[in-house]
Protein backbone atom coordinates (compact mmCIF):
# COMPACT_ATOMS: atom_id res chain seq x y z
CA UNK A 1 222.62 237.86 93.41
CA UNK A 2 225.50 238.53 91.04
CA UNK A 3 225.95 241.97 92.53
CA UNK A 4 225.63 241.04 96.19
CA UNK A 5 227.67 237.82 96.33
CA UNK A 6 231.05 239.54 95.82
CA UNK A 7 230.05 242.14 98.43
CA UNK A 8 228.74 239.70 101.08
CA UNK A 9 231.36 237.00 100.65
CA UNK A 10 234.41 238.83 102.07
CA UNK A 11 232.33 240.45 104.84
CA UNK A 12 230.87 237.08 105.86
CA UNK A 13 234.30 235.42 105.73
CA UNK A 14 235.73 238.12 108.01
CA UNK A 15 232.83 238.10 110.46
CA UNK A 16 232.74 234.31 110.58
CA UNK A 17 236.44 233.94 111.14
CA UNK A 18 236.84 231.97 107.95
CA UNK A 19 234.14 229.42 108.91
CA UNK A 20 232.73 227.73 105.80
CA UNK A 21 229.49 226.96 107.69
CA UNK A 22 228.96 230.68 108.48
CA UNK A 23 229.70 231.60 104.88
CA UNK A 24 227.19 229.00 103.58
CA UNK A 25 224.50 230.31 105.92
CA UNK A 26 225.12 233.88 104.78
CA UNK A 27 224.93 232.85 101.16
CA UNK A 28 221.71 230.91 101.84
CA UNK A 29 220.13 233.99 103.40
CA UNK A 30 221.37 236.11 100.48
CA UNK A 31 219.89 233.74 97.94
CA UNK A 32 216.55 233.62 99.77
CA UNK A 33 216.37 237.43 100.01
CA UNK A 34 217.27 237.79 96.34
CA UNK A 35 214.61 235.35 95.28
CA UNK A 36 212.04 237.07 97.51
CA UNK A 37 212.90 240.44 95.97
CA UNK A 38 212.73 239.04 92.46
CA UNK A 39 209.25 237.59 93.04
CA UNK A 40 207.87 240.76 94.65
CA UNK A 41 209.36 243.31 92.33
CA UNK A 42 207.04 244.77 89.68
CA UNK A 43 210.02 245.41 87.38
CA UNK A 44 211.68 241.97 87.51
CA UNK A 45 211.97 239.97 84.36
CA UNK A 46 209.94 237.04 85.72
CA UNK A 47 207.08 239.35 86.75
CA UNK A 48 206.98 241.07 83.36
CA UNK A 49 207.02 237.73 81.52
CA UNK A 50 204.32 236.33 83.78
CA UNK A 51 202.14 239.33 83.14
CA UNK A 52 202.66 239.10 79.39
CA UNK A 53 202.07 235.35 79.26
CA UNK A 54 198.88 235.41 81.37
CA UNK A 55 197.60 238.77 80.08
CA UNK A 56 196.98 239.79 83.68
CA UNK A 57 197.45 243.38 84.75
CA UNK A 58 200.74 244.14 86.53
CA UNK A 59 199.23 245.52 89.79
CA UNK A 60 196.92 242.49 90.11
CA UNK A 61 199.78 240.06 89.54
CA UNK A 62 202.12 241.78 92.05
CA UNK A 63 199.32 242.04 94.64
CA UNK A 64 198.45 238.37 94.23
CA UNK A 65 202.04 237.11 94.36
CA UNK A 66 202.91 239.38 97.28
CA UNK A 67 200.51 237.49 99.54
CA UNK A 68 202.22 234.14 98.86
CA UNK A 69 205.79 235.38 98.76
CA UNK A 70 205.18 237.49 101.84
CA UNK A 71 203.93 234.51 103.81
CA UNK A 72 206.90 232.32 102.72
CA UNK A 73 209.38 235.15 103.32
CA UNK A 74 208.04 235.77 106.84
CA UNK A 75 208.10 232.10 107.73
CA UNK A 76 211.65 231.77 106.32
CA UNK A 77 212.89 234.81 108.12
CA UNK A 78 211.53 233.74 111.52
CA UNK A 79 211.92 229.95 111.47
CA UNK A 80 215.03 229.65 109.31
CA UNK A 81 217.24 232.75 109.13
CA UNK A 82 216.79 233.97 112.69
CA UNK A 83 216.48 230.56 114.30
CA UNK A 84 219.58 229.15 112.55
CA UNK A 85 221.47 232.41 113.16
CA UNK A 86 220.66 232.21 116.87
CA UNK A 87 221.74 228.56 116.79
CA UNK A 88 218.36 227.25 118.02
CA UNK A 89 218.68 224.44 115.47
CA UNK A 90 220.50 223.60 112.26
CA UNK A 91 219.57 224.19 108.62
CA UNK A 92 218.11 220.75 108.10
CA UNK A 93 215.72 221.16 111.04
CA UNK A 94 214.92 224.67 109.79
CA UNK A 95 213.74 223.23 106.45
CA UNK A 96 211.48 220.78 108.28
CA UNK A 97 210.11 223.42 110.61
CA UNK A 98 209.46 225.86 107.75
CA UNK A 99 207.73 223.15 105.73
CA UNK A 100 205.54 222.24 108.70
CA UNK A 101 204.64 225.91 109.43
CA UNK A 102 203.77 226.51 105.77
CA UNK A 103 201.60 223.38 105.62
CA UNK A 104 199.87 224.47 108.86
CA UNK A 105 199.35 227.93 107.38
CA UNK A 106 197.83 226.41 104.23
CA UNK A 107 195.47 224.31 106.28
CA UNK A 108 194.42 227.25 108.44
CA UNK A 109 194.37 230.07 105.86
CA UNK A 110 193.79 228.19 102.62
CA UNK A 111 190.48 227.73 100.87
CA UNK A 112 189.31 225.17 98.40
CA UNK A 113 189.05 226.31 94.80
CA UNK A 114 185.90 225.12 93.16
CA UNK A 115 186.38 223.44 89.82
CA UNK A 116 184.82 225.21 86.85
CA UNK A 117 183.06 223.22 84.20
CA UNK A 118 184.33 223.91 80.70
CA UNK A 119 182.14 226.03 78.41
CA UNK A 120 180.48 224.05 75.68
């Protein structure tokens, strides 16, 4: 984010004609993309620390997290970034729509985790 904000800011300001709303939307998309990349990257600090803390192998951790972050990233791209960019609805409605789509996805795709009994 620290690298891309100074690059995107002036471009977004010029393209948006100085509109603060346009700039905010561009920064929101930039932050979402940065967070998505951070969570999916096998060399990010959070991934390395998670692997070390859980003693899980790196490929297994990345493969597992990619499913969740991929789903959220796809929903955000379609129902937030593109929809708000095309002015189908505003950012507040986009948050509600994305939340609803993710809950629906959880109900359809999710499975119940069976509770394990502790070893004695």
